[in-house]
C-alpha atoms as a PDB file:
ATOM      1  CA  MET A   1      95.468 110.577 226.009  1.00  0.00           C
ATOM      2  CA  ASP A   2      93.179 112.125 223.242  1.00  0.00           C
ATOM      3  CA  ILE A   3      90.709 114.744 223.942  1.00  0.00           C
ATOM      4  CA  LEU A   4      87.654 112.088 223.837  1.00  0.00           C
ATOM      5  CA  SER A   5      89.372 109.984 226.365  1.00  0.00           C
ATOM      6  CA  GLN A   6      89.748 113.028 228.717  1.00  0.00           C
ATOM      7  CA  TYR A   7      86.162 113.806 228.071  1.00  0.00           C
ATOM      8  CA  ARG A   8      84.903 110.572 229.220  1.00  0.00           C
ATOM      9  CA  ASN A   9      86.951 110.825 232.416  1.00  0.00           C
ATOM     10  CA  CYS A  10      85.277 114.200 233.350  1.00  0.00           C
ATOM     11  CA  PRO A  11      83.254 113.325 236.603  1.00  0.00           C
ATOM     12  CA  PHE A  12      80.218 115.110 235.429  1.00  0.00           C
ATOM     13  CA  ARG A  13      77.471 113.853 233.312  1.00  0.00           C
ATOM     14  CA  GLU A  14      76.667 115.346 229.786  1.00  0.00           C
ATOM     15  CA  ILE A  15      73.774 117.760 229.944  1.00  0.00           C
ATOM     16  CA  LYS A  16      72.125 119.835 227.445  1.00  0.00           C
ATOM     17  CA  GLY A  17      70.251 122.273 229.884  1.00  0.00           C
ATOM     18  CA  SER A  18      71.483 123.842 232.909  1.00  0.00           C
ATOM     19  CA  GLY A  19      73.523 122.693 236.060  1.00  0.00           C
ATOM     20  CA  LEU A  20      76.963 121.053 236.502  1.00  0.00           C
ATOM     21  CA  GLY A  21      78.019 119.019 233.570  1.00  0.00           C
ATOM     22  CA  LYS A  22      80.169 118.368 230.604  1.00  0.00           C
ATOM     23  CA  SER A  23      79.975 119.267 227.043  1.00  0.00           C
ATOM     24  CA  ILE A  24      81.822 118.620 223.771  1.00  0.00           C
ATOM     25  CA  THR A  25      82.105 120.822 220.704  1.00  0.00           C
ATOM     26  CA  ARG A  26      80.663 119.542 217.511  1.00  0.00           C
ATOM     27  CA  SER A  27      84.082 119.345 215.897  1.00  0.00           C
ATOM     28  CA  HIS A  28      85.373 117.311 219.117  1.00  0.00           C
ATOM     29  CA  ASP A  29      88.246 119.698 219.359  1.00  0.00           C
ATOM     30  CA  ARG A  30      87.299 121.061 222.878  1.00  0.00           C
ATOM     31  CA  TYR A  31      85.431 119.804 225.850  1.00  0.00           C
ATOM     32  CA  TYR A  32      84.174 121.428 229.028  1.00  0.00           C
ATOM     33  CA  CYS A  33      83.633 120.508 232.541  1.00  0.00           C
ATOM     34  CA  GLY A  34      81.668 122.962 234.859  1.00  0.00           C
ATOM     35  CA  GLN A  35      78.593 125.146 235.167  1.00  0.00           C
ATOM     36  CA  ILE A  36      76.285 125.082 232.268  1.00  0.00           C
ATOM     37  CA  GLU A  37      73.185 127.356 231.513  1.00  0.00           C
ATOM     38  CA  ASP A  38      70.815 126.484 228.698  1.00  0.00           C
ATOM     39  CA  GLY A  39      73.424 124.268 227.101  1.00  0.00           C
ATOM     40  CA  VAL A  40      76.363 126.728 227.230  1.00  0.00           C
ATOM     41  CA  CYS A  41      79.498 127.182 229.418  1.00  0.00           C
ATOM     42  CA  ASN A  42      78.530 129.742 231.888  1.00  0.00           C
ATOM     43  CA  GLY A  43      79.948 130.079 235.253  1.00  0.00           C
ATOM     44  CA  TYR A  44      83.157 128.290 236.501  1.00  0.00           C
ATOM     45  CA  GLY A  45      84.758 125.445 234.696  1.00  0.00           C
ATOM     46  CA  VAL A  46      87.657 124.173 232.756  1.00  0.00           C
ATOM     47  CA  MET A  47      87.732 123.938 228.908  1.00  0.00           C
ATOM     48  CA  TYR A  48      90.459 121.477 227.559  1.00  0.00           C
ATOM     49  CA  CYS A  49      91.372 121.864 223.926  1.00  0.00           C
ATOM     50  CA  ALA A  50      92.791 119.124 221.511  1.00  0.00           C
ATOM     51  CA  ASP A  51      95.951 121.025 220.979  1.00  0.00           C
ATOM     52  CA  GLY A  52      96.838 120.874 224.669  1.00  0.00           C
ATOM     53  CA  SER A  53      95.724 124.121 225.838  1.00  0.00           C
ATOM     54  CA  ALA A  54      93.277 124.601 228.414  1.00  0.00           C
ATOM     55  CA  PHE A  55      91.272 127.591 230.211  1.00  0.00           C
ATOM     56  CA  CYS A  56      90.351 127.260 233.871  1.00  0.00           C
ATOM     57  CA  GLY A  57      87.983 130.025 235.206  1.00  0.00           C
ATOM     58  CA  GLU A  58      84.818 131.852 234.716  1.00  0.00           C
ATOM     59  CA  PHE A  59      82.834 131.641 231.479  1.00  0.00           C
ATOM     60  CA  LEU A  60      80.204 134.095 230.235  1.00  0.00           C
ATOM     61  CA  TYR A  61      77.849 132.744 227.524  1.00  0.00           C
ATOM     62  CA  GLY A  62      80.538 130.299 226.260  1.00  0.00           C
ATOM     63  CA  LYS A  63      83.425 132.534 226.301  1.00  0.00           C
ATOM     64  CA  PRO A  64      86.230 132.974 228.699  1.00  0.00           C
ATOM     65  CA  ARG A  65      85.789 135.958 231.270  1.00  0.00           C
ATOM     66  CA  GLU A  66      88.317 135.667 233.869  1.00  0.00           C
ATOM     67  CA  GLY A  67      90.891 133.001 234.711  1.00  0.00           C
ATOM     68  CA  THR A  68      94.013 131.198 233.649  1.00  0.00           C
ATOM     69  CA  TYR A  69      94.710 129.996 230.154  1.00  0.00           C
ATOM     70  CA  ALA A  70      97.540 127.704 229.630  1.00  0.00           C
ATOM     71  CA  TYR A  71      98.565 127.675 226.030  1.00  0.00           C
ATOM     72  CA  ALA A  72      99.950 124.404 224.479  1.00  0.00           C
ATOM     73  CA  ASN A  73     103.336 126.133 223.881  1.00  0.00           C
ATOM     74  CA  GLY A  74     103.971 126.668 227.567  1.00  0.00           C
ATOM     75  CA  GLU A  75     103.038 130.118 227.834  1.00  0.00           C
ATOM     76  CA  VAL A  76     100.294 131.232 230.442  1.00  0.00           C
ATOM     77  CA  PHE A  77      97.818 134.222 230.799  1.00  0.00           C
ATOM     78  CA  ASP A  78      96.139 134.862 233.928  1.00  0.00           C
ATOM     79  CA  GLY A  79      93.358 137.669 233.907  1.00  0.00           C
ATOM     80  CA  SER A  80      90.299 138.931 232.164  1.00  0.00           C
ATOM     81  CA  TRP A  81      89.215 138.479 228.711  1.00  0.00           C
ATOM     82  CA  GLN A  82      87.056 140.229 226.405  1.00  0.00           C
ATOM     83  CA  TYR A  83      85.677 138.864 222.939  1.00  0.00           C
ATOM     84  CA  ASP A  84      87.919 135.640 223.309  1.00  0.00           C
ATOM     85  CA  LYS A  85      91.067 137.660 223.685  1.00  0.00           C
ATOM     86  CA  PRO A  86      93.231 138.773 226.897  1.00  0.00           C
ATOM     87  CA  ARG A  87      92.080 142.309 228.236  1.00  0.00           C
ATOM     88  CA  THR A  88      93.976 142.677 231.500  1.00  0.00           C
ATOM     89  CA  GLY A  89      96.399 140.542 233.390  1.00  0.00           C
ATOM     90  CA  THR A  90      99.784 138.872 233.383  1.00  0.00           C
ATOM     91  CA  TYR A  91     101.064 136.916 230.481  1.00  0.00           C
ATOM     92  CA  ARG A  92     104.106 134.715 231.130  1.00  0.00           C
ATOM     93  CA  TYR A  93     106.195 133.769 227.957  1.00  0.00           C
ATOM     94  CA  LYS A  94     108.053 130.501 227.564  1.00  0.00           C
ATOM     95  CA  ASN A  95     111.449 132.340 227.321  1.00  0.00           C
ATOM     96  CA  GLY A  96     111.006 133.971 230.934  1.00  0.00           C
ATOM     97  CA  ASP A  97     109.641 137.386 230.007  1.00  0.00           C
ATOM     98  CA  VAL A  98     106.494 138.555 231.807  1.00  0.00           C
ATOM     99  CA  PHE A  99     104.008 141.234 230.765  1.00  0.00           C
ATOM    100  CA  ASP A 100     101.759 142.862 233.256  1.00  0.00           C
ATOM    101  CA  GLY A 101      99.107 145.202 231.867  1.00  0.00           C
ATOM    102  CA  THR A 102      96.040 145.798 229.515  1.00  0.00           C
ATOM    103  CA  PHE A 103      95.634 144.436 225.922  1.00  0.00           C
ATOM    104  CA  ASP A 104      93.685 145.835 223.124  1.00  0.00           C
ATOM    105  CA  ASN A 105      92.062 143.316 220.918  1.00  0.00           C
ATOM    106  CA  GLY A 106      94.723 140.690 222.376  1.00  0.00           C
ATOM    107  CA  VAL A 107      97.542 142.945 221.807  1.00  0.00           C
ATOM    108  CA  LYS A 108      99.784 144.493 224.543  1.00  0.00           C
ATOM    109  CA  CYS A 109      98.910 148.312 224.868  1.00  0.00           C
ATOM    110  CA  ASN A 110     100.154 149.556 228.189  1.00  0.00           C
ATOM    111  CA  GLY A 111     101.858 147.990 231.168  1.00  0.00           C
ATOM    112  CA  ILE A 112     105.158 146.646 232.489  1.00  0.00           C
ATOM    113  CA  TYR A 113     107.299 144.175 230.622  1.00  0.00           C
ATOM    114  CA  TYR A 114     109.785 142.314 232.526  1.00  0.00           C
ATOM    115  CA  PHE A 115     112.608 140.756 230.311  1.00  0.00           C
ATOM    116  CA  ALA A 116     114.243 137.441 231.610  1.00  0.00           C
ATOM    117  CA  ASN A 117     117.530 139.169 231.694  1.00  0.00           C
ATOM    118  CA  GLY A 118     116.548 141.662 234.164  1.00  0.00           C
ATOM    119  CA  ASP A 119     115.711 144.706 232.003  1.00  0.00           C
ATOM    120  CA  VAL A 120     112.268 146.391 232.534  1.00  0.00           C
ATOM    121  CA  TYR A 121     110.030 148.684 230.225  1.00  0.00           C
ATOM    122  CA  LYS A 122     106.962 150.427 231.490  1.00  0.00           C
ATOM    123  CA  GLY A 123     104.788 152.216 229.198  1.00  0.00           C
ATOM    124  CA  ASP A 124     102.893 152.180 226.016  1.00  0.00           C
ATOM    125  CA  PHE A 125     102.858 149.739 222.986  1.00  0.00           C
ATOM    126  CA  ASP A 126     101.681 149.931 219.478  1.00  0.00           C
ATOM    127  CA  GLU A 127      99.171 147.613 217.572  1.00  0.00           C
ATOM    128  CA  ASN A 128     102.282 145.333 216.827  1.00  0.00           C
ATOM    129  CA  GLY A 129     103.420 145.034 220.404  1.00  0.00           C
ATOM    130  CA  ARG A 130     106.276 147.247 220.219  1.00  0.00           C
ATOM    131  CA  PHE A 131     107.402 149.913 222.505  1.00  0.00           C
ATOM    132  CA  SER A 132     105.470 153.184 221.270  1.00  0.00           C
ATOM    133  CA  GLY A 133     104.321 156.550 222.894  1.00  0.00           C
ATOM    134  CA  MET A 134     105.696 157.347 226.327  1.00  0.00           C
ATOM    135  CA  GLY A 135     107.777 154.734 228.225  1.00  0.00           C
ATOM    136  CA  VAL A 136     110.802 153.942 230.587  1.00  0.00           C
ATOM    137  CA  TYR A 137     113.348 151.343 229.837  1.00  0.00           C
ATOM    138  CA  THR A 138     115.693 150.486 232.629  1.00  0.00           C
ATOM    139  CA  TRP A 139     118.501 148.091 232.030  1.00  0.00           C
ATOM    140  CA  LYS A 140     119.583 145.773 234.515  1.00  0.00           C
ATOM    141  CA  ASN A 141     122.891 147.636 234.803  1.00  0.00           C
ATOM    142  CA  GLY A 142     121.016 150.564 236.028  1.00  0.00           C
ATOM    143  CA  GLU A 143     120.794 152.663 232.975  1.00  0.00           C
ATOM    144  CA  LYS A 144     117.447 154.089 232.071  1.00  0.00           C
ATOM    145  CA  TYR A 145     115.907 155.840 229.157  1.00  0.00           C
ATOM    146  CA  ASP A 146     112.619 158.079 229.965  1.00  0.00           C
ATOM    147  CA  GLY A 147     110.879 159.459 226.809  1.00  0.00           C
ATOM    148  CA  HIS A 148     109.269 158.882 223.597  1.00  0.00           C
ATOM    149  CA  TRP A 149     109.193 155.624 221.646  1.00  0.00           C
ATOM    150  CA  HIS A 150     108.167 154.786 217.937  1.00  0.00           C
ATOM    151  CA  GLN A 151     108.179 151.173 216.553  1.00  0.00           C
ATOM    152  CA  GLY A 152     110.338 149.868 219.407  1.00  0.00           C
ATOM    153  CA  TYR A 153     112.842 152.536 219.080  1.00  0.00           C
ATOM    154  CA  ARG A 154     113.916 155.458 221.280  1.00  0.00           C
ATOM    155  CA  ASN A 155     112.439 158.093 219.008  1.00  0.00           C
ATOM    156  CA  GLY A 156     111.738 161.640 220.029  1.00  0.00           C
ATOM    157  CA  ASN A 157     112.464 163.674 223.063  1.00  0.00           C
ATOM    158  CA  GLY A 158     113.942 161.716 225.966  1.00  0.00           C
ATOM    159  CA  THR A 159     116.430 161.538 228.837  1.00  0.00           C
ATOM    160  CA  MET A 160     119.172 158.892 229.043  1.00  0.00           C
ATOM    161  CA  TYR A 161     120.233 158.250 232.654  1.00  0.00           C
ATOM    162  CA  TYR A 162     123.652 156.691 232.920  1.00  0.00           C
ATOM    163  CA  LYS A 163     124.973 154.481 235.744  1.00  0.00           C
ATOM    164  CA  ASN A 164     127.764 156.959 236.496  1.00  0.00           C
ATOM    165  CA  GLY A 165     125.203 159.535 237.588  1.00  0.00           C
ATOM    166  CA  THR A 166     125.050 161.691 234.599  1.00  0.00           C
ATOM    167  CA  SER A 167     122.184 162.270 232.342  1.00  0.00           C
ATOM    168  CA  LYS A 168     121.469 163.738 228.785  1.00  0.00           C
ATOM    169  CA  TYR A 169     118.368 165.146 227.392  1.00  0.00           C
ATOM    170  CA  CYS A 170     118.048 165.152 223.556  1.00  0.00           C
ATOM    171  CA  TYR A 171     116.154 164.210 220.554  1.00  0.00           C
ATOM    172  CA  TRP A 172     116.504 160.507 219.483  1.00  0.00           C
ATOM    173  CA  HIS A 173     116.049 158.746 216.011  1.00  0.00           C
ATOM    174  CA  LYS A 174     116.030 155.018 215.975  1.00  0.00           C
ATOM    175  CA  ASN A 175     117.785 154.681 219.329  1.00  0.00           C
ATOM    176  CA  GLN A 176     120.603 157.246 218.305  1.00  0.00           C
ATOM    177  CA  PRO A 177     120.931 160.667 219.919  1.00  0.00           C
ATOM    178  CA  THR A 178     120.717 163.363 217.115  1.00  0.00           C
ATOM    179  CA  ASP A 179     122.103 166.427 219.025  1.00  0.00           C
ATOM    180  CA  TRP A 180     125.538 165.055 220.418  1.00  0.00           C
END
């Protein structure tokens, strides 16, 4: 069903002012059903996009504020938005990975990343979404690294905890211990 057919099926009437209603963008690539104030999505409603994605939740002056965005590729973000981008919440990737934390300009910056294989990373991320700064990576086998990260690598001072109960504190460079 195309977006215009879906729009016609919305139970609300089209309004230009304020109240419960529906509206469609000039380019006909999105439509909205819900609370409208002065002709703009403001309050609770659902925005449907021609690419198959949809946002359900609270809008503030035409922009998502808090709710659930289901992307056309199967990924889902549930949380708060700022400037049309995720701010805090849970992002579920189609591969089964889950990130729970904060975003800066739509990019992961701090939180917990749960891998589908059972590994977990808790810490900071850089502007490209890679492990960076301080963080703890725990493998599903029980081993753990606690320390500095840079561009996705163990890099700097850190402690590796092994499943046999031993640990080693050293300086790391691109995942390799440098003083062993």
